[in-house]
Amino acid sequence: MNVSIIKKLNTNFRLRIFICVIAAIVVIAFSFLFMINMNRKALERIGRTYETNRKLNTITTYISNTEKALSDYMQYRTFESIDSYYHFQSLSEDSASYLRKSPSTDTIRHKEFIVYQLLSSFFKYSLDAVTSLRANNAENAMIFYKKSMSCYSMLLSQMEDLNMLMLQRNAEIYTASYGRYAAYVRLSIIFILILFSLILAILYLSLNIITKPLMDISHVANRVAHMDFDVPLFNNQDDGEIGIICRAFDRMIVSIREYVDKIWEKAAQENELREREMEMRELYADAQLRALQNQINPHFLFNTLNTGAQLAMMEGADKTCYFMEQVADFFRYNIQQKGHVATIDEELSLVDSYVYIMKVRFGDRVEFIKKVSSEKHETLLPRMTLQPLVENCMKYGLKEAKGIIEISVEKEVFQILIKISDNGCGFSSDLRKKILKAETPLPLKDDKTGTGTGLINVISRLRIYFHRNDVFDILTNEQGGTTFLLRIPNV
């Protein structure tokens, strides 16, 4: 009897221990599952924090590409540009479909409504500009194009404001998510410490295995929350949940670094483009002023020359009529508003007018040799490039007895060589180095001949336009004199 009771008690005791151990194991298992699930959800919320900024940046990229394609089509009217315009317009509309379509009391949602309205206006005016241009209505096309550019400028400003608002709100969400994540970690640790009393040996080792990686993640996450992205990667290759979390965190850190680098790179490129455009405009304006070299209204002078040519024709003075027509053509080229570029043929035509005027002035003292094939030369280069070089040869590169100026155009596979040479005294090596190294159209201190400013202006505009430093060179002729060599890319 006593033996039976003892056995029964021992059995119940062993059963209770077994049940307690099983219960502890089950509780621990469910605790681990719950902890992992909470951590996973917290990390997912953190990972999705800046999704709205990514979407907005995608829209900005598509809109920028749409504007570039529109500008290309307005300037060149190519099939590739119009196809690119419709392609990026479609992508922009699809990616912006989530924006709010009606006003809202919420600041961000209302800003989305403003962005959507500006985006719709930009698409409407740009499409009207494309339609008008395809219908050969250039005047309406330019009106709609200017309106679309105005909408585009306001749209970029509003999207930048929206992006900053989203960043501020997402930062707050990120901080709150991180707080909940830290709370989950603390609760998990406390819960595990409570379970230590049941299975001390197992849970003690588990605690060290679990808490150390979590504390490392917590430390790195805290640094990231304070905008410190220069943190070491975990490089954890474990197959467990901690390894997955570490690798996911590593991918997130790498993505954030790449995103920040792209923003800085894009900002630097935009600043460089704006600086180049401003410099190009200043150089072009300076070239026009140097080419005209007068203080009267060029339109009045052009009209006066035409009137004089007609009067000379009526009086039978054909040579005088032709001379005044050439002078009028020279001034017409300078007052035309065709942008900052011209074809090689247009520049050569201006040189012909200028040379004729100079030959009338100097007579047989100047011989002009032109070696240009009869084929068309439609390659673009900055306006007022060749005439200042010929003028330089006229002023400073001719011998007293008889000056010879030669211009030639040679087309190669990848480039077009334009040479303008004279038989004068040439450049000194020091002056040549100073002119080729100068980056601004400012007078050189040692330039007593007066040739520096005009040449530097031409060189600067060529280098800015073609993005190459070898586009212009100054050579010394074997028989004496100087040759200006232009290497124009043949694209």
Protein backbone atom coordinates (compact mmCIF):
# COMPACT_ATOMS: atom_id res chain seq x y z
CA MET A 1 0.00 0.00 0.00
CA ASN A 2 2.68 2.43 0.94
CA VAL A 3 4.75 1.43 -2.08
CA SER A 4 1.74 1.97 -4.33
CA ILE A 5 1.11 5.46 -2.92
CA ILE A 6 4.78 6.36 -3.28
CA LYS A 7 4.81 5.20 -6.89
CA LYS A 8 1.62 7.15 -7.58
CA LEU A 9 3.03 10.30 -6.01
CA ASN A 10 6.29 9.92 -7.89
CA THR A 11 4.35 9.41 -11.06
CA ASN A 12 2.26 12.53 -10.44
CA PHE A 13 5.37 14.48 -9.57
CA ARG A 14 7.16 13.39 -12.69
CA LEU A 15 3.99 14.16 -14.67
CA ARG A 16 3.75 17.64 -13.16
CA ILE A 17 7.42 18.28 -13.91
CA PHE A 18 6.90 16.97 -17.42
CA ILE A 19 3.79 19.15 -17.82
CA CYS A 20 5.61 22.18 -16.42
CA VAL A 21 8.56 21.60 -18.73
CA ILE A 22 6.25 21.12 -21.70
CA ALA A 23 4.28 24.19 -20.68
CA ALA A 24 7.49 26.17 -20.27
CA ILE A 25 8.71 24.98 -23.66
CA VAL A 26 5.39 25.88 -25.25
CA VAL A 27 5.35 29.27 -23.58
CA ILE A 28 8.94 29.88 -24.67
CA ALA A 29 8.13 28.76 -28.20
CA PHE A 30 5.10 31.01 -28.43
CA SER A 31 7.11 33.80 -26.85
CA PHE A 32 9.81 33.45 -29.47
CA LEU A 33 7.27 33.40 -32.27
CA PHE A 34 5.50 36.42 -30.88
CA MET A 35 8.77 38.33 -30.44
CA ILE A 36 9.97 37.49 -33.92
CA ASN A 37 6.64 38.50 -35.43
CA MET A 38 6.59 41.81 -33.57
CA ASN A 39 10.17 42.57 -34.58
CA ARG A 40 9.42 41.66 -38.18
CA LYS A 41 6.38 43.94 -38.29
CA ALA A 42 8.32 46.75 -36.65
CA LEU A 43 11.13 46.43 -39.17
CA GLU A 44 8.63 46.32 -42.02
CA ARG A 45 7.03 49.52 -40.75
CA ILE A 46 10.46 51.13 -40.52
CA GLY A 47 11.31 49.93 -44.03
CA ARG A 48 8.09 51.40 -45.41
CA THR A 49 8.56 54.75 -43.67
CA TYR A 50 10.07 56.60 -46.64
CA GLU A 51 8.06 54.85 -49.34
CA THR A 52 6.11 58.06 -50.05
CA ASN A 53 9.34 59.99 -50.65
CA ARG A 54 10.54 57.30 -53.05
CA LYS A 55 7.29 57.50 -55.01
CA LEU A 56 7.50 61.29 -55.16
CA ASN A 57 11.10 61.15 -56.38
CA THR A 58 10.04 58.67 -59.08
CA ILE A 59 7.36 61.13 -60.23
CA THR A 60 9.93 63.94 -60.25
CA THR A 61 12.29 61.88 -62.41
CA TYR A 62 9.56 61.06 -64.93
CA ILE A 63 8.41 64.70 -65.08
CA SER A 64 12.00 65.90 -65.64
CA ASN A 65 12.39 63.41 -68.48
CA THR A 66 9.05 64.57 -69.93
CA GLU A 67 10.21 68.21 -69.85
CA LYS A 68 13.55 67.29 -71.47
CA ALA A 69 11.81 65.36 -74.24
CA LEU A 70 9.41 68.29 -74.80
CA SER A 71 12.29 70.76 -75.04
CA ASP A 72 14.12 68.49 -77.48
CA TYR A 73 11.03 68.20 -79.66
CA MET A 74 10.41 71.95 -79.61
CA GLN A 75 13.98 72.52 -80.75
CA TYR A 76 14.68 69.60 -83.11
CA ARG A 77 11.25 68.07 -83.90
CA THR A 78 12.64 64.53 -84.05
CA PHE A 79 10.65 61.31 -83.85
CA GLU A 80 12.75 60.09 -80.93
CA SER A 81 11.96 63.20 -78.86
CA ILE A 82 8.17 63.05 -79.43
CA ASP A 83 8.15 59.31 -78.73
CA SER A 84 10.14 59.90 -75.55
CA TYR A 85 7.71 62.69 -74.57
CA TYR A 86 4.62 60.49 -74.84
CA HIS A 87 6.42 57.63 -73.06
CA PHE A 88 7.47 59.65 -70.02
CA GLN A 89 4.16 61.53 -69.92
CA SER A 90 2.36 58.19 -69.60
CA LEU A 91 4.75 57.05 -66.87
CA SER A 92 4.29 60.35 -65.01
CA GLU A 93 0.50 60.10 -65.11
CA ASP A 94 0.54 56.48 -63.93
CA SER A 95 2.97 57.14 -61.08
CA ALA A 96 1.03 60.26 -59.97
CA SER A 97 -2.36 58.53 -59.92
CA TYR A 98 -2.22 58.10 -56.14
CA LEU A 99 -2.06 61.87 -55.52
CA ARG A 100 -5.12 63.45 -53.98
CA LYS A 101 -7.61 64.90 -56.48
CA SER A 102 -9.52 67.21 -54.10
CA PRO A 103 -8.64 69.75 -51.39
CA SER A 104 -8.01 68.56 -47.85
CA THR A 105 -7.53 70.02 -44.40
CA ASP A 106 -4.42 67.90 -44.00
CA THR A 107 -1.31 69.86 -45.02
CA ILE A 108 0.38 67.06 -46.95
CA ARG A 109 -2.78 65.85 -48.66
CA HIS A 110 -3.66 69.39 -49.69
CA LYS A 111 -0.11 69.87 -51.01
CA GLU A 112 -0.63 66.68 -53.05
CA PHE A 113 -3.78 68.24 -54.50
CA ILE A 114 -1.81 71.35 -55.52
CA VAL A 115 0.91 69.21 -57.11
CA TYR A 116 -1.71 67.22 -58.99
CA GLN A 117 -3.35 70.37 -60.35
CA LEU A 118 0.00 71.81 -61.49
CA LEU A 119 0.92 68.47 -63.03
CA SER A 120 -2.35 68.39 -64.96
CA SER A 121 -1.76 71.96 -66.20
CA PHE A 122 1.78 71.09 -67.27
CA PHE A 123 0.57 68.08 -69.25
CA LYS A 124 -2.25 70.10 -70.83
CA TYR A 125 -0.05 72.98 -72.01
CA SER A 126 2.78 70.70 -73.11
CA LEU A 127 0.36 68.56 -75.13
CA ASP A 128 -1.12 71.72 -76.67
CA ALA A 129 2.41 72.86 -77.58
CA VAL A 130 3.22 69.50 -79.21
CA THR A 131 -0.10 69.47 -81.08
CA SER A 132 0.39 73.03 -82.34
CA LEU A 133 3.95 72.31 -83.45
CA ARG A 134 2.89 69.18 -85.28
CA ALA A 135 0.27 71.32 -87.02
CA ASN A 136 3.09 73.74 -88.02
CA ASN A 137 1.63 76.50 -85.81
CA ALA A 138 4.93 77.63 -84.31
CA GLU A 139 3.50 80.76 -82.67
CA ASN A 140 0.85 78.92 -80.63
CA ALA A 141 3.33 76.13 -79.93
CA MET A 142 5.76 78.60 -78.36
CA ILE A 143 2.97 80.21 -76.29
CA PHE A 144 1.85 76.86 -74.91
CA TYR A 145 5.47 75.81 -74.39
CA LYS A 146 6.19 78.88 -72.27
CA LYS A 147 3.04 78.23 -70.22
CA SER A 148 4.07 74.61 -69.70
CA MET A 149 7.56 75.72 -68.59
CA SER A 150 5.97 78.14 -66.11
CA CYS A 151 3.82 75.31 -64.73
CA TYR A 152 6.90 73.06 -64.67
CA SER A 153 8.88 75.56 -62.60
CA MET A 154 6.04 75.96 -60.07
CA LEU A 155 5.50 72.19 -60.08
CA LEU A 156 9.13 71.48 -59.12
CA SER A 157 8.93 74.02 -56.31
CA GLN A 158 5.69 72.53 -54.94
CA MET A 159 7.03 68.97 -55.24
CA GLU A 160 10.14 69.97 -53.32
CA ASP A 161 7.93 71.46 -50.57
CA LEU A 162 5.82 68.28 -50.56
CA ASN A 163 8.95 66.16 -50.33
CA MET A 164 10.18 68.12 -47.31
CA LEU A 165 6.77 67.83 -45.60
CA MET A 166 6.77 64.09 -46.22
CA LEU A 167 10.32 63.79 -44.90
CA GLN A 168 9.34 65.57 -41.69
CA ARG A 169 6.25 63.43 -41.17
CA ASN A 170 8.08 60.23 -42.11
CA ALA A 171 10.83 61.14 -39.66
CA GLU A 172 8.21 61.40 -36.93
CA ILE A 173 6.69 58.07 -37.99
CA TYR A 174 10.15 56.55 -38.09
CA THR A 175 10.89 57.77 -34.55
CA ALA A 176 7.56 56.40 -33.27
CA SER A 177 8.13 53.05 -35.00
CA TYR A 178 11.58 52.84 -33.59
CA GLY A 179 10.17 53.57 -30.12
CA ARG A 180 7.67 50.73 -30.47
CA TYR A 181 10.41 48.47 -31.76
CA ALA A 182 12.62 49.28 -28.75
CA ALA A 183 9.63 48.65 -26.48
CA TYR A 184 9.08 45.25 -28.09
CA VAL A 185 12.73 44.44 -27.52
CA ARG A 186 12.56 45.44 -23.87
CA LEU A 187 9.35 43.47 -23.29
CA SER A 188 10.88 40.43 -24.93
CA ILE A 189 13.95 40.65 -22.74
CA ILE A 190 11.84 41.03 -19.58
CA PHE A 191 9.65 38.11 -20.60
CA ILE A 192 12.68 35.94 -21.25
CA LEU A 193 14.15 36.89 -17.87
CA ILE A 194 10.92 35.77 -16.19
CA LEU A 195 11.10 32.44 -17.96
CA PHE A 196 14.65 32.01 -16.72
CA SER A 197 13.24 30.65 -13.42
CA LEU A 198 11.70 27.70 -15.27
CA ILE A 199 14.57 26.59 -17.50
CA LEU A 200 17.55 28.57 -16.28
CA ALA A 201 20.32 26.84 -18.15
CA ILE A 202 18.60 26.81 -21.56
CA LEU A 203 17.10 30.27 -21.35
CA TYR A 204 20.33 31.77 -20.06
CA LEU A 205 22.19 30.71 -23.19
CA SER A 206 19.24 31.71 -25.36
CA LEU A 207 19.20 35.13 -23.72
CA ASN A 208 22.85 35.75 -24.64
CA ILE A 209 22.31 34.52 -28.18
CA ILE A 210 19.20 36.65 -28.72
CA THR A 211 19.91 39.86 -26.84
CA LYS A 212 23.40 40.62 -28.12
CA PRO A 213 22.46 40.85 -31.82
CA LEU A 214 19.31 42.76 -30.90
CA MET A 215 21.30 45.26 -28.89
CA ASP A 216 23.68 45.70 -31.81
CA ILE A 217 20.74 46.35 -34.11
CA SER A 218 19.28 48.75 -31.56
CA HIS A 219 22.56 50.68 -31.39
CA VAL A 220 22.87 50.89 -35.18
CA ALA A 221 19.22 51.85 -35.54
CA ASN A 222 19.71 54.64 -33.00
CA ARG A 223 22.65 56.01 -35.01
CA VAL A 224 20.64 55.83 -38.21
CA ALA A 225 17.75 57.62 -36.48
CA HIS A 226 20.17 60.48 -35.76
CA MET A 227 21.15 60.68 -39.47
CA ASP A 228 24.47 58.88 -38.96
CA PHE A 229 24.63 56.54 -41.96
CA ASP A 230 28.35 55.81 -41.62
CA VAL A 231 27.72 52.68 -39.56
CA PRO A 232 29.44 49.31 -40.01
CA LEU A 233 27.42 46.56 -41.68
CA PHE A 234 26.64 43.39 -39.75
CA ASN A 235 27.61 40.96 -42.53
CA ASN A 236 25.74 38.27 -40.61
CA GLN A 237 25.54 35.05 -42.65
CA ASP A 238 23.42 33.07 -40.16
CA ASP A 239 20.32 31.34 -41.50
CA GLY A 240 18.26 32.21 -38.44
CA GLU A 241 15.89 35.06 -37.83
CA ILE A 242 18.62 37.31 -36.41
CA GLY A 243 20.74 36.76 -39.50
CA ILE A 244 17.76 37.65 -41.71
CA ILE A 245 17.11 40.80 -39.68
CA CYS A 246 20.77 41.82 -39.87
CA ARG A 247 20.91 41.27 -43.63
CA ALA A 248 17.67 43.19 -44.08
CA PHE A 249 19.09 46.01 -41.97
CA ASP A 250 22.30 45.95 -44.02
CA ARG A 251 20.29 46.26 -47.24
CA MET A 252 18.34 49.15 -45.77
CA ILE A 253 21.54 50.99 -44.77
CA VAL A 254 23.06 50.45 -48.23
CA SER A 255 19.85 51.67 -49.90
CA ILE A 256 19.77 54.81 -47.74
CA ARG A 257 23.43 55.56 -48.54
CA GLU A 258 22.83 55.12 -52.27
CA TYR A 259 19.73 57.31 -52.08
CA VAL A 260 21.60 60.11 -50.29
CA ASP A 261 24.52 59.87 -52.76
CA LYS A 262 22.11 60.11 -55.71
CA ILE A 263 20.49 63.21 -54.22
CA TRP A 264 23.86 64.92 -53.75
CA GLU A 265 25.04 63.86 -57.21
CA LYS A 266 21.86 65.12 -58.83
CA ALA A 267 22.06 68.43 -56.97
CA ALA A 268 25.70 68.86 -58.03
CA GLN A 269 24.83 68.11 -61.67
CA GLU A 270 21.95 70.58 -61.66
CA ASN A 271 24.17 73.30 -60.15
CA GLU A 272 26.86 72.62 -62.75
CA LEU A 273 24.34 72.80 -65.59
CA ARG A 274 22.92 76.07 -64.28
CA GLU A 275 26.42 77.55 -63.96
CA ARG A 276 27.34 76.44 -67.49
CA GLU A 277 24.15 77.90 -68.92
CA MET A 278 24.70 81.25 -67.20
CA GLU A 279 28.33 81.35 -68.34
CA MET A 280 27.31 80.48 -71.92
CA ARG A 281 24.75 83.29 -71.96
CA GLU A 282 27.28 85.81 -70.66
CA LEU A 283 29.86 84.75 -73.24
CA TYR A 284 27.33 84.90 -76.06
CA ALA A 285 26.19 88.39 -75.05
CA ASP A 286 29.80 89.54 -74.89
CA ALA A 287 30.47 88.09 -78.37
CA GLN A 288 27.50 89.94 -79.83
CA LEU A 289 28.60 93.23 -78.30
CA ARG A 290 32.17 92.78 -79.61
CA ALA A 291 30.88 91.87 -83.08
CA LEU A 292 28.66 94.94 -83.44
CA GLN A 293 31.16 97.42 -81.94
CA ASN A 294 28.88 100.39 -82.33
CA GLN A 295 26.66 102.46 -80.12
CA ILE A 296 23.72 103.01 -82.48
CA ASN A 297 20.62 100.86 -82.82
CA PRO A 298 21.61 97.88 -85.07
CA HIS A 299 18.09 97.68 -86.47
CA PHE A 300 18.26 101.34 -87.50
CA LEU A 301 21.68 100.77 -89.10
CA PHE A 302 20.41 97.65 -90.93
CA ASN A 303 17.38 99.50 -92.30
CA THR A 304 19.55 102.49 -93.29
CA LEU A 305 21.98 100.24 -95.20
CA ASN A 306 19.11 98.60 -97.08
CA THR A 307 17.77 102.04 -98.00
CA GLY A 308 21.23 103.08 -99.22
CA ALA A 309 21.53 99.89 -101.28
CA GLN A 310 18.19 100.57 -102.97
CA LEU A 311 19.24 104.17 -103.69
CA ALA A 312 22.55 102.97 -105.17
CA MET A 313 20.71 100.47 -107.36
CA MET A 314 18.36 103.20 -108.64
CA GLU A 315 21.38 105.37 -109.52
CA GLY A 316 23.17 102.48 -111.28
CA ALA A 317 26.00 102.14 -108.75
CA ASP A 318 25.99 98.33 -108.74
CA LYS A 319 29.27 97.91 -106.90
CA THR A 320 28.20 100.29 -104.16
CA CYS A 321 24.81 98.53 -103.99
CA TYR A 322 26.47 95.12 -103.59
CA PHE A 323 28.85 96.46 -100.95
CA MET A 324 26.02 97.90 -98.87
CA GLU A 325 24.03 94.68 -99.23
CA GLN A 326 26.99 92.71 -97.86
CA VAL A 327 27.29 95.10 -94.92
CA ALA A 328 23.53 94.79 -94.34
CA ASP A 329 23.79 90.98 -94.41
CA PHE A 330 26.58 91.17 -91.87
CA PHE A 331 24.45 93.20 -89.45
CA ARG A 332 21.36 91.11 -90.15
CA TYR A 333 23.19 88.02 -88.89
CA ASN A 334 24.05 89.77 -85.64
CA ILE A 335 20.54 91.04 -84.88
CA GLN A 336 18.69 87.83 -85.70
CA GLN A 337 17.30 86.05 -82.60
CA LYS A 338 17.99 82.42 -83.45
CA GLY A 339 19.50 81.28 -80.20
CA HIS A 340 23.14 80.82 -79.29
CA VAL A 341 24.09 78.34 -82.04
CA ALA A 342 24.43 78.35 -85.83
CA THR A 343 25.51 75.93 -88.56
CA ILE A 344 28.99 75.95 -90.08
CA ASP A 345 27.49 77.15 -93.39
CA GLU A 346 25.84 80.11 -91.65
CA GLU A 347 29.12 81.07 -89.99
CA LEU A 348 30.97 80.76 -93.33
CA SER A 349 28.35 82.97 -94.99
CA LEU A 350 28.98 85.64 -92.34
CA VAL A 351 32.73 85.34 -92.96
CA ASP A 352 32.15 85.85 -96.71
CA SER A 353 30.27 89.08 -96.03
CA TYR A 354 32.95 90.27 -93.62
CA VAL A 355 35.81 89.42 -96.01
CA TYR A 356 34.11 91.25 -98.89
CA ILE A 357 33.77 94.35 -96.73
CA MET A 358 37.43 94.17 -95.71
CA LYS A 359 38.60 93.65 -99.31
CA VAL A 360 36.70 96.74 -100.38
CA ARG A 361 38.46 98.56 -97.58
CA PHE A 362 42.00 97.21 -98.08
CA GLY A 363 41.88 96.26 -101.78
CA ASP A 364 44.73 94.04 -103.00
CA ARG A 365 46.54 94.24 -99.66
CA VAL A 366 44.50 91.24 -98.51
CA GLU A 367 44.09 87.92 -100.29
CA PHE A 368 41.41 85.56 -98.98
CA ILE A 369 41.61 81.84 -99.84
CA LYS A 370 38.62 79.62 -99.11
CA LYS A 371 38.89 75.83 -99.30
CA VAL A 372 35.42 74.51 -98.54
CA SER A 373 33.60 71.70 -100.36
CA SER A 374 30.22 72.37 -101.95
CA GLU A 375 28.42 69.93 -99.67
CA LYS A 376 26.30 71.24 -96.83
CA HIS A 377 27.83 71.64 -93.40
CA GLU A 378 24.93 71.52 -90.97
CA THR A 379 26.94 70.82 -87.82
CA LEU A 380 26.13 73.31 -85.05
CA LEU A 381 28.57 75.48 -83.12
CA PRO A 382 28.24 78.67 -81.03
CA ARG A 383 27.23 81.76 -83.02
CA MET A 384 29.90 84.39 -83.79
CA THR A 385 32.78 81.86 -83.68
CA LEU A 386 34.53 82.08 -87.08
CA GLN A 387 34.12 85.80 -87.83
CA PRO A 388 36.01 86.97 -84.68
CA LEU A 389 38.89 84.65 -85.65
CA VAL A 390 39.05 86.06 -89.20
CA GLU A 391 38.83 89.56 -87.74
CA ASN A 392 41.74 88.74 -85.45
CA CYS A 393 43.78 87.65 -88.46
CA MET A 394 42.84 90.89 -90.26
CA LYS A 395 43.85 93.13 -87.37
CA TYR A 396 46.93 91.43 -85.95
CA GLY A 397 48.05 88.63 -88.28
CA LEU A 398 48.81 90.28 -91.65
CA LYS A 399 52.13 91.41 -93.03
CA GLU A 400 52.53 95.00 -94.10
CA ALA A 401 53.16 94.11 -97.75
CA LYS A 402 50.34 91.71 -98.50
CA GLY A 403 48.26 89.65 -96.14
CA ILE A 404 47.00 86.17 -96.94
CA ILE A 405 44.14 84.66 -94.98
CA GLU A 406 43.08 81.10 -95.66
CA ILE A 407 40.08 79.21 -94.27
CA SER A 408 39.46 75.51 -94.90
CA VAL A 409 36.90 72.93 -93.76
CA GLU A 410 37.88 69.24 -93.74
CA LYS A 411 35.37 66.57 -92.77
CA GLU A 412 36.78 63.46 -91.10
CA VAL A 413 35.04 60.41 -89.67
CA PHE A 414 34.59 61.65 -86.12
CA GLN A 415 35.33 65.35 -86.39
CA ILE A 416 35.35 68.39 -88.68
CA LEU A 417 38.58 70.41 -88.86
CA ILE A 418 38.23 74.14 -89.47
CA LYS A 419 41.50 76.03 -90.05
CA ILE A 420 41.89 79.80 -90.23
CA SER A 421 45.47 80.89 -90.95
CA ASP A 422 47.39 84.06 -91.77
CA ASN A 423 50.93 84.94 -92.82
CA GLY A 424 51.62 87.40 -90.04
CA CYS A 425 54.19 87.45 -87.26
CA GLY A 426 52.38 84.85 -85.14
CA PHE A 427 51.94 84.52 -81.37
CA SER A 428 54.63 84.42 -78.75
CA SER A 429 54.73 81.14 -76.83
CA ASP A 430 53.88 82.89 -73.54
CA LEU A 431 50.84 84.67 -75.01
CA ARG A 432 49.65 81.45 -76.65
CA LYS A 433 49.85 79.56 -73.33
CA LYS A 434 48.00 82.32 -71.46
CA ILE A 435 45.19 82.43 -74.02
CA LEU A 436 44.71 78.64 -74.11
CA LYS A 437 44.81 78.36 -70.30
CA ALA A 438 42.43 81.25 -69.64
CA GLU A 439 38.94 80.22 -68.49
CA THR A 440 37.17 83.60 -68.51
CA PRO A 441 36.88 86.30 -71.18
CA LEU A 442 38.80 88.85 -69.12
CA PRO A 443 41.66 90.88 -70.64
CA LEU A 444 45.12 89.51 -70.06
CA LYS A 445 47.45 91.82 -68.14
CA ASP A 446 50.30 91.23 -70.61
CA ASP A 447 48.11 91.30 -73.71
CA LYS A 448 49.33 94.52 -75.33
CA THR A 449 48.09 93.48 -78.81
CA GLY A 450 44.47 93.33 -77.73
CA THR A 451 43.95 89.80 -79.09
CA GLY A 452 43.35 88.04 -75.79
CA THR A 453 39.78 88.99 -74.90
CA GLY A 454 38.15 88.01 -78.21
CA LEU A 455 40.04 84.72 -78.53
CA ILE A 456 39.36 83.74 -74.93
CA ASN A 457 35.67 84.46 -75.50
CA VAL A 458 35.59 82.15 -78.54
CA ILE A 459 37.62 79.44 -76.81
CA SER A 460 35.47 79.54 -73.66
CA ARG A 461 32.20 79.29 -75.59
CA LEU A 462 33.50 76.38 -77.70
CA ARG A 463 34.69 74.45 -74.64
CA ILE A 464 31.44 75.02 -72.77
CA TYR A 465 29.28 74.08 -75.76
CA PHE A 466 31.17 70.89 -76.73
CA HIS A 467 32.36 69.92 -73.19
CA ARG A 468 35.89 69.41 -74.51
CA ASN A 469 39.18 71.23 -73.88
CA ASP A 470 40.84 70.15 -77.14
CA VAL A 471 38.23 71.77 -79.39
CA PHE A 472 40.50 74.78 -80.07
CA ASP A 473 44.23 75.14 -80.66
CA ILE A 474 46.71 77.77 -81.88
CA LEU A 475 49.41 76.51 -84.25
CA THR A 476 52.45 78.19 -85.75
CA ASN A 477 52.88 77.95 -89.53
CA GLU A 478 56.18 76.81 -90.98
CA GLN A 479 56.22 79.76 -93.41
CA GLY A 480 55.30 82.17 -90.62
CA GLY A 481 51.98 83.26 -89.27
CA THR A 482 49.33 81.57 -87.12
CA THR A 483 46.66 78.94 -87.68
CA PHE A 484 43.53 78.69 -85.53
CA LEU A 485 42.44 75.04 -85.48
CA LEU A 486 38.87 74.04 -84.48
CA ARG A 487 38.06 70.37 -83.89
CA ILE A 488 34.28 70.17 -84.15
CA PRO A 489 32.78 66.75 -83.20
CA ASN A 490 31.06 65.22 -86.24
CA VAL A 491 27.85 63.88 -84.67
